Amino acid sequence: MTVIFRSVPVDVPFTFESIGTEWEQPHVVRPKGYPYYHYLQTEKGCGRIETSVGSFVLHEDEGLLLAPHIRHSYEKEGAIWYTKFASFTGTLESSIPSIVGSHSAIWIHREQGEKIAEMIEECAKLCAASPYKKELLSVSCYQMLLEFACGSHSLGLTDDPIYQNYVAPVIKEIEKRYAEPLTTTGLSSLVFITPQYLSRLFRKYMSCSTVEYLISFRISKAKELLITEPRTEIQSIAHRTGFTDASHFIATFRRITKITPSEFRRQN
């Protein structure tokens, strides 16, 4: 069994927040989801994943990639359930939705799962190796993310016309105009529904409100700028990511990450 959780600061574009193999999967309940993109694949036995976007049964070599903050629970179906898993982070973490297609859930069939299983095994070895080759691991992590984008087919939200007609266009608008003074009222007018209905849809499909999604995306972009532009002033980053002033940005950043932007920059 190999289980590794990141213990060093994030200073490469992509890396693993955690990775593991031969894990005897316990029952897990996460009402608020997981804060990172994460992938679970069956090694032996069978398990069921219940999510806010659908129910999935994972047989051997089948897997599921879930976006951050998607409500879910895991439970074995039968006597045993051993899994491989990986969760993803990095200084360019905010670009992962564009890599994997902004899907909340991506189902991985057995043939593709066999390939991803090999990648997880190799990446787990890199994580445990000494000396630690963080650049090589970052490239391998990016290749795995590309594998989810190529050849996988998503279930759940992509087949739901309500999500496609109302939520997906708003998400694209947020990702394009996050630096502007967006409001739920303005975003809802783009898809011709009320702000209240839009927020209910975001709660249903994304497990957060429209405003919470917008703030989360802004903070992800701010993290990217804090790392890639170490000499840029905090006030400038605040304005470039849609915050009205530096104090509001710092307070929001600290509430979500538990550290200030300056501390995050020093750690990374």
C-alpha atoms as a PDB file:
ATOM      1  CA  MET A   1       0.000   0.000   0.000  1.00  0.00           C
ATOM      2  CA  THR A   2       1.238   3.494  -0.898  1.00  0.00           C
ATOM      3  CA  VAL A   3      -0.457   6.612   0.459  1.00  0.00           C
ATOM      4  CA  ILE A   4       1.238  10.006   0.174  1.00  0.00           C
ATOM      5  CA  PHE A   5      -0.047  13.452   1.133  1.00  0.00           C
ATOM      6  CA  ARG A   6       1.773  16.599   0.014  1.00  0.00           C
ATOM      7  CA  SER A   7       4.056  17.908   2.754  1.00  0.00           C
ATOM      8  CA  VAL A   8       5.988  20.583   0.828  1.00  0.00           C
ATOM      9  CA  PRO A   9       4.821  23.997  -0.450  1.00  0.00           C
ATOM     10  CA  VAL A  10       3.276  24.143  -3.907  1.00  0.00           C
ATOM     11  CA  ASP A  11       5.802  25.713  -6.289  1.00  0.00           C
ATOM     12  CA  VAL A  12       5.193  23.899  -9.591  1.00  0.00           C
ATOM     13  CA  PRO A  13       2.327  24.294 -12.085  1.00  0.00           C
ATOM     14  CA  PHE A  14       0.725  20.920 -11.309  1.00  0.00           C
ATOM     15  CA  THR A  15       1.282  18.357  -8.605  1.00  0.00           C
ATOM     16  CA  PHE A  16      -0.572  15.940  -6.345  1.00  0.00           C
ATOM     17  CA  GLU A  17      -2.257  16.997  -3.139  1.00  0.00           C
ATOM     18  CA  SER A  18      -2.478  13.272  -2.387  1.00  0.00           C
ATOM     19  CA  ILE A  19      -1.936   9.990  -4.204  1.00  0.00           C
ATOM     20  CA  GLY A  20      -2.341   6.373  -3.177  1.00  0.00           C
ATOM     21  CA  THR A  21      -2.638   2.750  -4.250  1.00  0.00           C
ATOM     22  CA  GLU A  22      -3.996  -0.450  -2.666  1.00  0.00           C
ATOM     23  CA  TRP A  23      -6.090   1.623  -0.277  1.00  0.00           C
ATOM     24  CA  GLU A  24      -8.773  -0.315   1.602  1.00  0.00           C
ATOM     25  CA  GLN A  25     -11.466   2.250   0.954  1.00  0.00           C
ATOM     26  CA  PRO A  26     -13.527   3.134   4.046  1.00  0.00           C
ATOM     27  CA  HIS A  27     -16.985   4.635   4.024  1.00  0.00           C
ATOM     28  CA  VAL A  28     -16.658   8.375   3.357  1.00  0.00           C
ATOM     29  CA  VAL A  29     -19.262  11.151   3.560  1.00  0.00           C
ATOM     30  CA  ARG A  30     -18.380  14.678   2.383  1.00  0.00           C
ATOM     31  CA  PRO A  31     -21.442  16.989   2.453  1.00  0.00           C
ATOM     32  CA  LYS A  32     -19.352  19.900   1.142  1.00  0.00           C
ATOM     33  CA  GLY A  33     -17.244  17.845  -1.250  1.00  0.00           C
ATOM     34  CA  TYR A  34     -13.456  17.874  -1.426  1.00  0.00           C
ATOM     35  CA  PRO A  35     -11.515  21.135  -1.974  1.00  0.00           C
ATOM     36  CA  TYR A  36      -9.483  19.743  -4.906  1.00  0.00           C
ATOM     37  CA  TYR A  37     -10.138  17.852  -8.117  1.00  0.00           C
ATOM     38  CA  HIS A  38      -9.831  14.242  -7.068  1.00  0.00           C
ATOM     39  CA  TYR A  39      -9.952  10.856  -8.755  1.00  0.00           C
ATOM     40  CA  LEU A  40     -10.980   7.473  -7.362  1.00  0.00           C
ATOM     41  CA  GLN A  41     -10.541   4.154  -9.189  1.00  0.00           C
ATOM     42  CA  THR A  42     -11.345   0.595  -8.131  1.00  0.00           C
ATOM     43  CA  GLU A  43      -8.441  -1.848  -7.875  1.00  0.00           C
ATOM     44  CA  LYS A  44     -10.318  -4.798  -6.362  1.00  0.00           C
ATOM     45  CA  GLY A  45     -13.958  -5.352  -5.537  1.00  0.00           C
ATOM     46  CA  CYS A  46     -16.611  -2.761  -6.226  1.00  0.00           C
ATOM     47  CA  GLY A  47     -17.821   0.524  -4.752  1.00  0.00           C
ATOM     48  CA  ARG A  48     -20.593   3.040  -5.127  1.00  0.00           C
ATOM     49  CA  ILE A  49     -20.180   6.824  -5.244  1.00  0.00           C
ATOM     50  CA  GLU A  50     -23.241   8.940  -4.562  1.00  0.00           C
ATOM     51  CA  THR A  51     -22.839  12.563  -5.657  1.00  0.00           C
ATOM     52  CA  SER A  52     -24.943  15.662  -6.101  1.00  0.00           C
ATOM     53  CA  VAL A  53     -24.654  15.090  -9.870  1.00  0.00           C
ATOM     54  CA  GLY A  54     -25.474  11.387 -10.003  1.00  0.00           C
ATOM     55  CA  SER A  55     -24.794   7.885  -8.695  1.00  0.00           C
ATOM     56  CA  PHE A  56     -21.855   5.799  -9.983  1.00  0.00           C
ATOM     57  CA  VAL A  57     -20.826   2.182  -9.421  1.00  0.00           C
ATOM     58  CA  LEU A  58     -17.100   1.533  -9.908  1.00  0.00           C
ATOM     59  CA  HIS A  59     -16.083  -1.976 -10.927  1.00  0.00           C
ATOM     60  CA  GLU A  60     -12.427  -2.974 -11.273  1.00  0.00           C
ATOM     61  CA  ASP A  61     -10.370  -0.447 -13.265  1.00  0.00           C
ATOM     62  CA  GLU A  62     -13.304   1.954 -13.532  1.00  0.00           C
ATOM     63  CA  GLY A  63     -12.915   5.416 -12.028  1.00  0.00           C
ATOM     64  CA  LEU A  64     -14.472   8.813 -11.446  1.00  0.00           C
ATOM     65  CA  LEU A  65     -12.927  12.282 -11.427  1.00  0.00           C
ATOM     66  CA  LEU A  66     -14.875  14.799  -9.330  1.00  0.00           C
ATOM     67  CA  ALA A  67     -14.536  18.577  -9.380  1.00  0.00           C
ATOM     68  CA  PRO A  68     -13.996  20.481  -6.115  1.00  0.00           C
ATOM     69  CA  HIS A  69     -16.916  21.000  -3.731  1.00  0.00           C
ATOM     70  CA  ILE A  70     -19.215  18.384  -5.310  1.00  0.00           C
ATOM     71  CA  ARG A  71     -21.152  16.694  -2.523  1.00  0.00           C
ATOM     72  CA  HIS A  72     -20.409  12.957  -2.427  1.00  0.00           C
ATOM     73  CA  SER A  73     -20.087   9.778  -0.382  1.00  0.00           C
ATOM     74  CA  TYR A  74     -18.283   6.448  -0.947  1.00  0.00           C
ATOM     75  CA  GLU A  75     -19.359   2.969   0.119  1.00  0.00           C
ATOM     76  CA  LYS A  76     -18.220  -0.518  -0.862  1.00  0.00           C
ATOM     77  CA  GLU A  77     -20.543  -2.863  -2.696  1.00  0.00           C
ATOM     78  CA  GLY A  78     -19.695  -6.317  -1.423  1.00  0.00           C
ATOM     79  CA  ALA A  79     -17.007  -7.712   0.853  1.00  0.00           C
ATOM     80  CA  ILE A  80     -13.994  -5.647  -0.265  1.00  0.00           C
ATOM     81  CA  TRP A  81     -13.131  -2.422  -2.041  1.00  0.00           C
ATOM     82  CA  TYR A  82      -9.545  -1.422  -2.711  1.00  0.00           C
ATOM     83  CA  THR A  83      -8.870   1.776  -4.616  1.00  0.00           C
ATOM     84  CA  LYS A  84      -6.279   3.973  -6.259  1.00  0.00           C
ATOM     85  CA  PHE A  85      -6.714   7.713  -5.817  1.00  0.00           C
ATOM     86  CA  ALA A  86      -5.168  11.058  -6.669  1.00  0.00           C
ATOM     87  CA  SER A  87      -6.027  14.683  -5.958  1.00  0.00           C
ATOM     88  CA  PHE A  88      -4.576  17.615  -7.859  1.00  0.00           C
ATOM     89  CA  THR A  89      -3.166  21.025  -6.978  1.00  0.00           C
ATOM     90  CA  GLY A  90      -0.408  23.377  -8.166  1.00  0.00           C
ATOM     91  CA  THR A  91       0.248  27.037  -8.853  1.00  0.00           C
ATOM     92  CA  LEU A  92      -1.913  26.716 -11.992  1.00  0.00           C
ATOM     93  CA  GLU A  93      -4.685  24.827 -10.227  1.00  0.00           C
ATOM     94  CA  SER A  94      -7.266  27.320 -11.517  1.00  0.00           C
ATOM     95  CA  SER A  95      -6.610  26.122 -15.081  1.00  0.00           C
ATOM     96  CA  ILE A  96      -7.611  22.512 -14.348  1.00  0.00           C
ATOM     97  CA  PRO A  97     -11.295  23.105 -15.292  1.00  0.00           C
ATOM     98  CA  SER A  98     -10.229  24.258 -18.749  1.00  0.00           C
ATOM     99  CA  ILE A  99      -7.979  21.198 -19.126  1.00  0.00           C
ATOM    100  CA  VAL A 100     -10.588  18.615 -18.181  1.00  0.00           C
ATOM    101  CA  GLY A 101     -13.506  20.469 -19.741  1.00  0.00           C
ATOM    102  CA  SER A 102     -15.198  22.084 -16.716  1.00  0.00           C
ATOM    103  CA  HIS A 103     -17.107  18.849 -16.042  1.00  0.00           C
ATOM    104  CA  SER A 104     -18.241  18.216 -12.489  1.00  0.00           C
ATOM    105  CA  ALA A 105     -17.902  14.445 -12.951  1.00  0.00           C
ATOM    106  CA  ILE A 106     -15.912  12.437 -15.514  1.00  0.00           C
ATOM    107  CA  TRP A 107     -16.489   8.716 -15.746  1.00  0.00           C
ATOM    108  CA  ILE A 108     -13.489   6.569 -16.708  1.00  0.00           C
ATOM    109  CA  HIS A 109     -14.180   3.232 -18.401  1.00  0.00           C
ATOM    110  CA  ARG A 110     -12.086   0.123 -17.812  1.00  0.00           C
ATOM    111  CA  GLU A 111      -9.766   0.369 -20.826  1.00  0.00           C
ATOM    112  CA  GLN A 112      -8.816   3.945 -20.057  1.00  0.00           C
ATOM    113  CA  GLY A 113      -8.708   3.162 -16.352  1.00  0.00           C
ATOM    114  CA  GLU A 114      -5.963   0.602 -16.925  1.00  0.00           C
ATOM    115  CA  LYS A 115      -3.808   3.329 -18.473  1.00  0.00           C
ATOM    116  CA  ILE A 116      -4.524   5.789 -15.668  1.00  0.00           C
ATOM    117  CA  ALA A 117      -3.740   3.078 -13.097  1.00  0.00           C
ATOM    118  CA  GLU A 118      -0.237   2.752 -14.574  1.00  0.00           C
ATOM    119  CA  MET A 119       0.194   6.531 -14.417  1.00  0.00           C
ATOM    120  CA  ILE A 120      -0.850   6.604 -10.747  1.00  0.00           C
ATOM    121  CA  GLU A 121       1.645   3.829  -9.942  1.00  0.00           C
ATOM    122  CA  GLU A 122       4.479   5.713 -11.642  1.00  0.00           C
ATOM    123  CA  CYS A 123       3.551   9.040 -10.040  1.00  0.00           C
ATOM    124  CA  ALA A 124       3.342   7.430  -6.593  1.00  0.00           C
ATOM    125  CA  LYS A 125       6.909   6.170  -7.099  1.00  0.00           C
ATOM    126  CA  LEU A 126       8.042   9.673  -8.089  1.00  0.00           C
ATOM    127  CA  CYS A 127       6.388  11.133  -4.983  1.00  0.00           C
ATOM    128  CA  ALA A 128       8.235   8.666  -2.767  1.00  0.00           C
ATOM    129  CA  ALA A 129      11.583   8.894  -4.573  1.00  0.00           C
ATOM    130  CA  SER A 130      14.700  10.477  -3.119  1.00  0.00           C
ATOM    131  CA  PRO A 131      15.845  12.877  -4.392  1.00  0.00           C
ATOM    132  CA  TYR A 132      12.399  14.341  -4.988  1.00  0.00           C
ATOM    133  CA  LYS A 133      12.061  15.330  -8.670  1.00  0.00           C
ATOM    134  CA  LYS A 134       9.262  17.862  -8.445  1.00  0.00           C
ATOM    135  CA  GLU A 135       9.548  19.099 -12.062  1.00  0.00           C
ATOM    136  CA  LEU A 136       9.241  15.583 -13.492  1.00  0.00           C
ATOM    137  CA  LEU A 137       6.305  14.903 -11.185  1.00  0.00           C
ATOM    138  CA  SER A 138       4.619  18.103 -12.374  1.00  0.00           C
ATOM    139  CA  VAL A 139       4.893  16.995 -16.003  1.00  0.00           C
ATOM    140  CA  SER A 140       3.501  13.555 -15.126  1.00  0.00           C
ATOM    141  CA  CYS A 141       0.635  15.153 -13.212  1.00  0.00           C
ATOM    142  CA  TYR A 142      -0.210  17.321 -16.236  1.00  0.00           C
ATOM    143  CA  GLN A 143      -0.157  14.251 -18.500  1.00  0.00           C
ATOM    144  CA  MET A 144      -2.642  12.544 -16.216  1.00  0.00           C
ATOM    145  CA  LEU A 145      -4.960  15.558 -16.331  1.00  0.00           C
ATOM    146  CA  LEU A 146      -4.774  15.466 -20.131  1.00  0.00           C
ATOM    147  CA  GLU A 147      -5.765  11.800 -20.026  1.00  0.00           C
ATOM    148  CA  PHE A 148      -9.007  12.754 -18.298  1.00  0.00           C
ATOM    149  CA  ALA A 149      -9.697  15.241 -21.093  1.00  0.00           C
ATOM    150  CA  CYS A 150      -8.853  12.895 -23.979  1.00  0.00           C
ATOM    151  CA  GLY A 151     -11.006   9.822 -24.463  1.00  0.00           C
ATOM    152  CA  SER A 152     -13.131  10.172 -21.345  1.00  0.00           C
ATOM    153  CA  HIS A 153     -16.831  10.833 -21.514  1.00  0.00           C
ATOM    154  CA  SER A 154     -18.637  12.678 -18.767  1.00  0.00           C
ATOM    155  CA  LEU A 155     -21.889  11.710 -17.139  1.00  0.00           C
ATOM    156  CA  GLY A 156     -24.388  13.675 -15.163  1.00  0.00           C
ATOM    157  CA  LEU A 157     -24.230  17.392 -15.820  1.00  0.00           C
ATOM    158  CA  THR A 158     -23.259  17.291 -19.476  1.00  0.00           C
ATOM    159  CA  ASP A 159     -26.456  15.418 -20.269  1.00  0.00           C
ATOM    160  CA  ASP A 160     -28.692  17.671 -18.174  1.00  0.00           C
ATOM    161  CA  PRO A 161     -30.358  20.378 -20.300  1.00  0.00           C
ATOM    162  CA  ILE A 162     -31.052  22.588 -17.270  1.00  0.00           C
ATOM    163  CA  TYR A 163     -27.360  22.630 -16.366  1.00  0.00           C
ATOM    164  CA  GLN A 164     -26.323  23.204 -19.982  1.00  0.00           C
ATOM    165  CA  ASN A 165     -28.838  26.008 -20.560  1.00  0.00           C
ATOM    166  CA  TYR A 166     -28.452  27.933 -17.310  1.00  0.00           C
ATOM    167  CA  VAL A 167     -25.441  26.960 -15.183  1.00  0.00           C
ATOM    168  CA  ALA A 168     -22.761  26.214 -17.788  1.00  0.00           C
ATOM    169  CA  PRO A 169     -23.110  29.612 -19.588  1.00  0.00           C
ATOM    170  CA  VAL A 170     -22.821  31.449 -16.272  1.00  0.00           C
ATOM    171  CA  ILE A 171     -19.708  29.473 -15.313  1.00  0.00           C
ATOM    172  CA  LYS A 172     -18.113  30.392 -18.650  1.00  0.00           C
ATOM    173  CA  GLU A 173     -19.012  34.041 -18.073  1.00  0.00           C
ATOM    174  CA  ILE A 174     -17.460  33.977 -14.600  1.00  0.00           C
ATOM    175  CA  GLU A 175     -14.263  32.402 -15.917  1.00  0.00           C
ATOM    176  CA  LYS A 176     -14.048  35.050 -18.662  1.00  0.00           C
ATOM    177  CA  ARG A 177     -15.057  38.163 -16.657  1.00  0.00           C
ATOM    178  CA  TYR A 178     -14.086  37.324 -13.063  1.00  0.00           C
ATOM    179  CA  ALA A 179     -12.062  40.555 -12.774  1.00  0.00           C
ATOM    180  CA  GLU A 180     -15.161  42.672 -13.442  1.00  0.00           C
ATOM    181  CA  PRO A 181     -17.799  43.686 -10.829  1.00  0.00           C
ATOM    182  CA  LEU A 182     -20.117  40.734 -11.462  1.00  0.00           C
ATOM    183  CA  THR A 183     -23.375  40.241  -9.575  1.00  0.00           C
ATOM    184  CA  THR A 184     -25.858  37.397  -9.341  1.00  0.00           C
ATOM    185  CA  THR A 185     -28.482  39.683 -10.840  1.00  0.00           C
ATOM    186  CA  GLY A 186     -26.326  40.487 -13.849  1.00  0.00           C
ATOM    187  CA  LEU A 187     -25.296  36.875 -14.372  1.00  0.00           C
ATOM    188  CA  SER A 188     -28.869  35.611 -14.114  1.00  0.00           C
ATOM    189  CA  SER A 189     -30.008  38.107 -16.757  1.00  0.00           C
ATOM    190  CA  LEU A 190     -27.641  36.469 -19.238  1.00  0.00           C
ATOM    191  CA  VAL A 191     -29.706  33.271 -19.127  1.00  0.00           C
ATOM    192  CA  PHE A 192     -33.074  35.006 -18.569  1.00  0.00           C
ATOM    193  CA  ILE A 193     -33.881  33.634 -15.109  1.00  0.00           C
ATOM    194  CA  THR A 194     -34.184  35.237 -11.676  1.00  0.00           C
ATOM    195  CA  PRO A 195     -31.157  35.583  -9.363  1.00  0.00           C
ATOM    196  CA  GLN A 196     -32.894  33.382  -6.810  1.00  0.00           C
ATOM    197  CA  TYR A 197     -33.448  30.580  -9.321  1.00  0.00           C
ATOM    198  CA  LEU A 198     -29.840  30.802 -10.525  1.00  0.00           C
ATOM    199  CA  SER A 199     -28.563  30.456  -6.972  1.00  0.00           C
ATOM    200  CA  ARG A 200     -30.817  27.435  -6.420  1.00  0.00           C
ATOM    201  CA  LEU A 201     -29.428  25.836  -9.573  1.00  0.00           C
ATOM    202  CA  PHE A 202     -25.842  26.462  -8.439  1.00  0.00           C
ATOM    203  CA  ARG A 203     -26.703  24.927  -5.065  1.00  0.00           C
ATOM    204  CA  LYS A 204     -28.145  21.895  -6.803  1.00  0.00           C
ATOM    205  CA  TYR A 205     -25.422  21.317  -9.391  1.00  0.00           C
ATOM    206  CA  MET A 206     -22.294  22.878  -7.861  1.00  0.00           C
ATOM    207  CA  SER A 207     -23.055  22.536  -4.122  1.00  0.00           C
ATOM    208  CA  CYS A 208     -22.431  26.253  -3.589  1.00  0.00           C
ATOM    209  CA  SER A 209     -24.123  29.564  -4.346  1.00  0.00           C
ATOM    210  CA  THR A 210     -23.365  31.660  -7.427  1.00  0.00           C
ATOM    211  CA  VAL A 211     -21.446  34.152  -5.290  1.00  0.00           C
ATOM    212  CA  GLU A 212     -19.458  31.400  -3.558  1.00  0.00           C
ATOM    213  CA  TYR A 213     -18.443  29.958  -6.929  1.00  0.00           C
ATOM    214  CA  LEU A 214     -17.373  33.404  -8.171  1.00  0.00           C
ATOM    215  CA  ILE A 215     -15.304  34.097  -5.043  1.00  0.00           C
ATOM    216  CA  SER A 216     -13.701  30.653  -5.166  1.00  0.00           C
ATOM    217  CA  PHE A 217     -12.674  31.197  -8.779  1.00  0.00           C
ATOM    218  CA  ARG A 218     -11.276  34.654  -7.986  1.00  0.00           C
ATOM    219  CA  ILE A 219      -9.195  33.253  -5.122  1.00  0.00           C
ATOM    220  CA  SER A 220      -7.819  30.512  -7.408  1.00  0.00           C
ATOM    221  CA  LYS A 221      -6.753  33.155  -9.943  1.00  0.00           C
ATOM    222  CA  ALA A 222      -5.235  35.233  -7.143  1.00  0.00           C
ATOM    223  CA  LYS A 223      -3.155  32.243  -6.003  1.00  0.00           C
ATOM    224  CA  GLU A 224      -1.870  31.882  -9.542  1.00  0.00           C
ATOM    225  CA  LEU A 225      -0.828  35.555  -9.701  1.00  0.00           C
ATOM    226  CA  LEU A 226       0.764  35.496  -6.238  1.00  0.00           C
ATOM    227  CA  ILE A 227       3.071  32.712  -7.399  1.00  0.00           C
ATOM    228  CA  THR A 228       3.751  33.691 -11.002  1.00  0.00           C
ATOM    229  CA  GLU A 229       4.159  37.415 -10.308  1.00  0.00           C
ATOM    230  CA  PRO A 230       6.081  37.604  -7.009  1.00  0.00           C
ATOM    231  CA  ARG A 231       6.822  41.352  -7.340  1.00  0.00           C
ATOM    232  CA  THR A 232       3.266  42.454  -8.070  1.00  0.00           C
ATOM    233  CA  GLU A 233       1.671  44.321  -5.170  1.00  0.00           C
ATOM    234  CA  ILE A 234      -1.184  42.716  -3.256  1.00  0.00           C
ATOM    235  CA  GLN A 235      -3.435  45.683  -4.067  1.00  0.00           C
ATOM    236  CA  SER A 236      -2.872  45.170  -7.801  1.00  0.00           C
ATOM    237  CA  ILE A 237      -3.674  41.456  -7.555  1.00  0.00           C
ATOM    238  CA  ALA A 238      -6.831  42.308  -5.615  1.00  0.00           C
ATOM    239  CA  HIS A 239      -8.071  44.637  -8.367  1.00  0.00           C
ATOM    240  CA  ARG A 240      -7.082  42.202 -11.143  1.00  0.00           C
ATOM    241  CA  THR A 241      -9.138  39.433  -9.568  1.00  0.00           C
ATOM    242  CA  GLY A 242     -12.304  41.432  -9.026  1.00  0.00           C
ATOM    243  CA  PHE A 243     -11.984  42.673  -5.444  1.00  0.00           C
ATOM    244  CA  THR A 244     -12.884  46.281  -4.710  1.00  0.00           C
ATOM    245  CA  ASP A 245      -9.966  46.884  -2.342  1.00  0.00           C
ATOM    246  CA  ALA A 246      -6.967  45.142  -0.811  1.00  0.00           C
ATOM    247  CA  SER A 247      -8.455  44.814   2.683  1.00  0.00           C
ATOM    248  CA  HIS A 248     -11.525  42.989   1.362  1.00  0.00           C
ATOM    249  CA  PHE A 249      -9.297  40.735  -0.723  1.00  0.00           C
ATOM    250  CA  ILE A 250      -7.006  39.906   2.214  1.00  0.00           C
ATOM    251  CA  ALA A 251      -9.955  39.178   4.529  1.00  0.00           C
ATOM    252  CA  THR A 252     -11.628  36.912   1.946  1.00  0.00           C
ATOM    253  CA  PHE A 253      -8.382  35.142   1.081  1.00  0.00           C
ATOM    254  CA  ARG A 254      -7.692  34.469   4.757  1.00  0.00           C
ATOM    255  CA  ARG A 255     -11.233  33.235   5.402  1.00  0.00           C
ATOM    256  CA  ILE A 256     -10.953  30.671   2.599  1.00  0.00           C
ATOM    257  CA  THR A 257      -7.296  29.600   2.849  1.00  0.00           C
ATOM    258  CA  LYS A 258      -6.657  30.303   6.572  1.00  0.00           C
ATOM    259  CA  ILE A 259      -3.571  32.373   5.676  1.00  0.00           C
ATOM    260  CA  THR A 260      -3.014  35.849   4.220  1.00  0.00           C
ATOM    261  CA  PRO A 261      -1.937  36.409   0.592  1.00  0.00           C
ATOM    262  CA  SER A 262       1.527  37.465   1.775  1.00  0.00           C
ATOM    263  CA  GLU A 263       1.904  34.296   3.847  1.00  0.00           C
ATOM    264  CA  PHE A 264       0.744  32.201   0.898  1.00  0.00           C
ATOM    265  CA  ARG A 265       3.326  33.894  -1.323  1.00  0.00           C
ATOM    266  CA  ARG A 266       6.135  33.295   1.200  1.00  0.00           C
ATOM    267  CA  GLN A 267       5.209  29.631   1.621  1.00  0.00           C
ATOM    268  CA  ASN A 268       5.203  29.084  -2.129  1.00  0.00           C
END
